[in-house]
C-alpha atoms as a PDB file:
ATOM      1  CA  MET A   1      10.115  48.540 -36.597  1.00  0.00           C
ATOM      2  CA  ARG A   2      11.347  48.626 -40.153  1.00  0.00           C
ATOM      3  CA  THR A   3      14.912  47.735 -41.016  1.00  0.00           C
ATOM      4  CA  TRP A   4      15.723  51.241 -42.251  1.00  0.00           C
ATOM      5  CA  GLN A   5      14.476  52.715 -38.958  1.00  0.00           C
ATOM      6  CA  VAL A   6      16.684  50.386 -36.934  1.00  0.00           C
ATOM      7  CA  GLU A   7      19.683  51.246 -39.098  1.00  0.00           C
ATOM      8  CA  ARG A   8      18.954  54.971 -38.837  1.00  0.00           C
ATOM      9  CA  ARG A   9      18.784  54.737 -35.049  1.00  0.00           C
ATOM     10  CA  LYS A  10      22.071  52.819 -34.950  1.00  0.00           C
ATOM     11  CA  ARG A  11      23.700  55.485 -37.116  1.00  0.00           C
ATOM     12  CA  THR A  12      22.246  58.292 -34.985  1.00  0.00           C
ATOM     13  CA  ARG A  13      23.537  56.676 -31.789  1.00  0.00           C
ATOM     14  CA  HIS A  14      26.966  56.218 -33.361  1.00  0.00           C
ATOM     15  CA  LEU A  15      27.113  59.894 -34.383  1.00  0.00           C
ATOM     16  CA  ILE A  16      26.019  61.011 -30.915  1.00  0.00           C
ATOM     17  CA  GLU A  17      28.744  58.877 -29.328  1.00  0.00           C
ATOM     18  CA  LEU A  18      31.363  60.396 -31.641  1.00  0.00           C
ATOM     19  CA  GLY A  19      30.158  63.896 -30.774  1.00  0.00           C
ATOM     20  CA  GLY A  20      30.442  62.958 -27.113  1.00  0.00           C
ATOM     21  CA  LEU A  21      34.102  62.170 -27.640  1.00  0.00           C
ATOM     22  CA  VAL A  22      34.680  65.692 -28.964  1.00  0.00           C
ATOM     23  CA  VAL A  23      33.096  67.070 -25.784  1.00  0.00           C
ATOM     24  CA  LYS A  24      34.888  64.560 -23.506  1.00  0.00           C
ATOM     25  CA  ALA A  25      38.254  65.545 -25.006  1.00  0.00           C
ATOM     26  CA  GLY A  26      37.578  69.175 -24.101  1.00  0.00           C
ATOM     27  CA  LEU A  27      37.631  70.461 -27.669  1.00  0.00           C
ATOM     28  CA  VAL A  28      34.314  72.266 -27.376  1.00  0.00           C
ATOM     29  CA  ASN A  29      35.402  74.289 -24.354  1.00  0.00           C
ATOM     30  CA  LEU A  30      38.953  74.915 -25.549  1.00  0.00           C
ATOM     31  CA  THR A  31      37.820  76.169 -28.962  1.00  0.00           C
ATOM     32  CA  GLY A  32      34.812  78.138 -27.718  1.00  0.00           C
ATOM     33  CA  ASP A  33      32.632  75.755 -29.759  1.00  0.00           C
ATOM     34  CA  ASP A  34      34.302  77.006 -32.949  1.00  0.00           C
ATOM     35  CA  ARG A  35      33.408  74.295 -35.422  1.00  0.00           C
ATOM     36  CA  ALA A  36      35.912  75.485 -38.014  1.00  0.00           C
ATOM     37  CA  ILE A  37      38.729  74.925 -35.512  1.00  0.00           C
ATOM     38  CA  ILE A  38      37.367  71.504 -34.540  1.00  0.00           C
ATOM     39  CA  LEU A  39      36.978  70.437 -38.168  1.00  0.00           C
ATOM     40  CA  GLY A  40      40.453  71.767 -38.972  1.00  0.00           C
ATOM     41  CA  ALA A  41      41.929  69.746 -36.116  1.00  0.00           C
ATOM     42  CA  LEU A  42      40.144  66.610 -37.289  1.00  0.00           C
ATOM     43  CA  LEU A  43      41.359  67.171 -40.851  1.00  0.00           C
ATOM     44  CA  TRP A  44      44.891  67.607 -39.508  1.00  0.00           C
ATOM     45  CA  MET A  45      44.501  64.221 -37.805  1.00  0.00           C
ATOM     46  CA  VAL A  46      43.418  62.665 -41.107  1.00  0.00           C
ATOM     47  CA  ASP A  47      46.508  64.104 -42.834  1.00  0.00           C
ATOM     48  CA  LYS A  48      48.725  62.802 -40.028  1.00  0.00           C
ATOM     49  CA  LEU A  49      47.187  59.310 -40.183  1.00  0.00           C
ATOM     50  CA  GLN A  50      47.691  59.199 -43.955  1.00  0.00           C
ATOM     51  CA  SER A  51      51.323  60.294 -43.705  1.00  0.00           C
ATOM     52  CA  ASP A  52      54.432  58.185 -43.179  1.00  0.00           C
ATOM     53  CA  GLN A  53      53.995  58.882 -39.448  1.00  0.00           C
ATOM     54  CA  GLY A  54      50.463  57.468 -39.433  1.00  0.00           C
ATOM     55  CA  GLU A  55      51.146  54.225 -37.602  1.00  0.00           C
ATOM     56  CA  ARG A  56      53.128  55.995 -34.892  1.00  0.00           C
ATOM     57  CA  ALA A  57      50.407  58.614 -34.430  1.00  0.00           C
ATOM     58  CA  ARG A  58      47.724  55.909 -34.320  1.00  0.00           C
ATOM     59  CA  ALA A  59      49.614  54.002 -31.617  1.00  0.00           C
ATOM     60  CA  LEU A  60      50.262  57.125 -29.508  1.00  0.00           C
ATOM     61  CA  TRP A  61      46.691  58.392 -29.795  1.00  0.00           C
ATOM     62  CA  ALA A  62      45.215  54.961 -29.064  1.00  0.00           C
ATOM     63  CA  ALA A  63      47.304  54.652 -25.899  1.00  0.00           C
ATOM     64  CA  LYS A  64      46.331  58.127 -24.741  1.00  0.00           C
ATOM     65  CA  GLY A  65      42.658  57.467 -25.459  1.00  0.00           C
ATOM     66  CA  LYS A  66      42.699  54.159 -23.605  1.00  0.00           C
ATOM     67  CA  GLN A  67      44.279  55.876 -20.591  1.00  0.00           C
ATOM     68  CA  ALA A  68      41.543  58.517 -20.651  1.00  0.00           C
ATOM     69  CA  PHE A  69      38.792  55.880 -20.841  1.00  0.00           C
ATOM     70  CA  GLU A  70      40.332  53.919 -17.961  1.00  0.00           C
ATOM     71  CA  ALA A  71      40.717  57.068 -15.833  1.00  0.00           C
ATOM     72  CA  ASP A  72      37.058  58.054 -16.271  1.00  0.00           C
ATOM     73  CA  PRO A  73      34.732  55.968 -14.089  1.00  0.00           C
ATOM     74  CA  THR A  74      31.696  57.129 -16.086  1.00  0.00           C
ATOM     75  CA  THR A  75      32.976  55.537 -19.282  1.00  0.00           C
ATOM     76  CA  HIS A  76      30.989  52.540 -20.435  1.00  0.00           C
ATOM     77  CA  LYS A  77      32.866  49.635 -21.952  1.00  0.00           C
ATOM     78  CA  GLU A  78      30.566  49.471 -24.985  1.00  0.00           C
ATOM     79  CA  THR A  79      31.797  52.914 -26.048  1.00  0.00           C
ATOM     80  CA  ASP A  80      35.434  51.832 -25.804  1.00  0.00           C
ATOM     81  CA  ARG A  81      35.526  50.000 -29.096  1.00  0.00           C
ATOM     82  CA  ILE A  82      38.433  48.800 -31.115  1.00  0.00           C
ATOM     83  CA  VAL A  83      37.832  49.738 -34.717  1.00  0.00           C
ATOM     84  CA  PRO A  84      39.076  47.223 -37.277  1.00  0.00           C
ATOM     85  CA  ALA A  85      41.804  48.554 -39.564  1.00  0.00           C
ATOM     86  CA  SER A  86      39.442  48.178 -42.525  1.00  0.00           C
ATOM     87  CA  HIS A  87      37.175  50.864 -40.995  1.00  0.00           C
ATOM     88  CA  ARG A  88      39.868  53.454 -40.188  1.00  0.00           C
END
């Protein structure tokens, strides 16, 4: 397989996993699959993370997310990644 194909598959898998988090969080059901609402919420998160309250929000959301992963027996450890600060 060519390098670009491997990289494309990695990227596709990554995007699917991220989409799965949106479903796992319940956003799809709670918004009636309204993508404008979901995007707006994600953009609000970006604004919050870039604000002076960003570190506090990051810590709170990380703790809540870790609790959710630990409470869900179907969660695989390879999807529970710690993202380096340089990639946030």
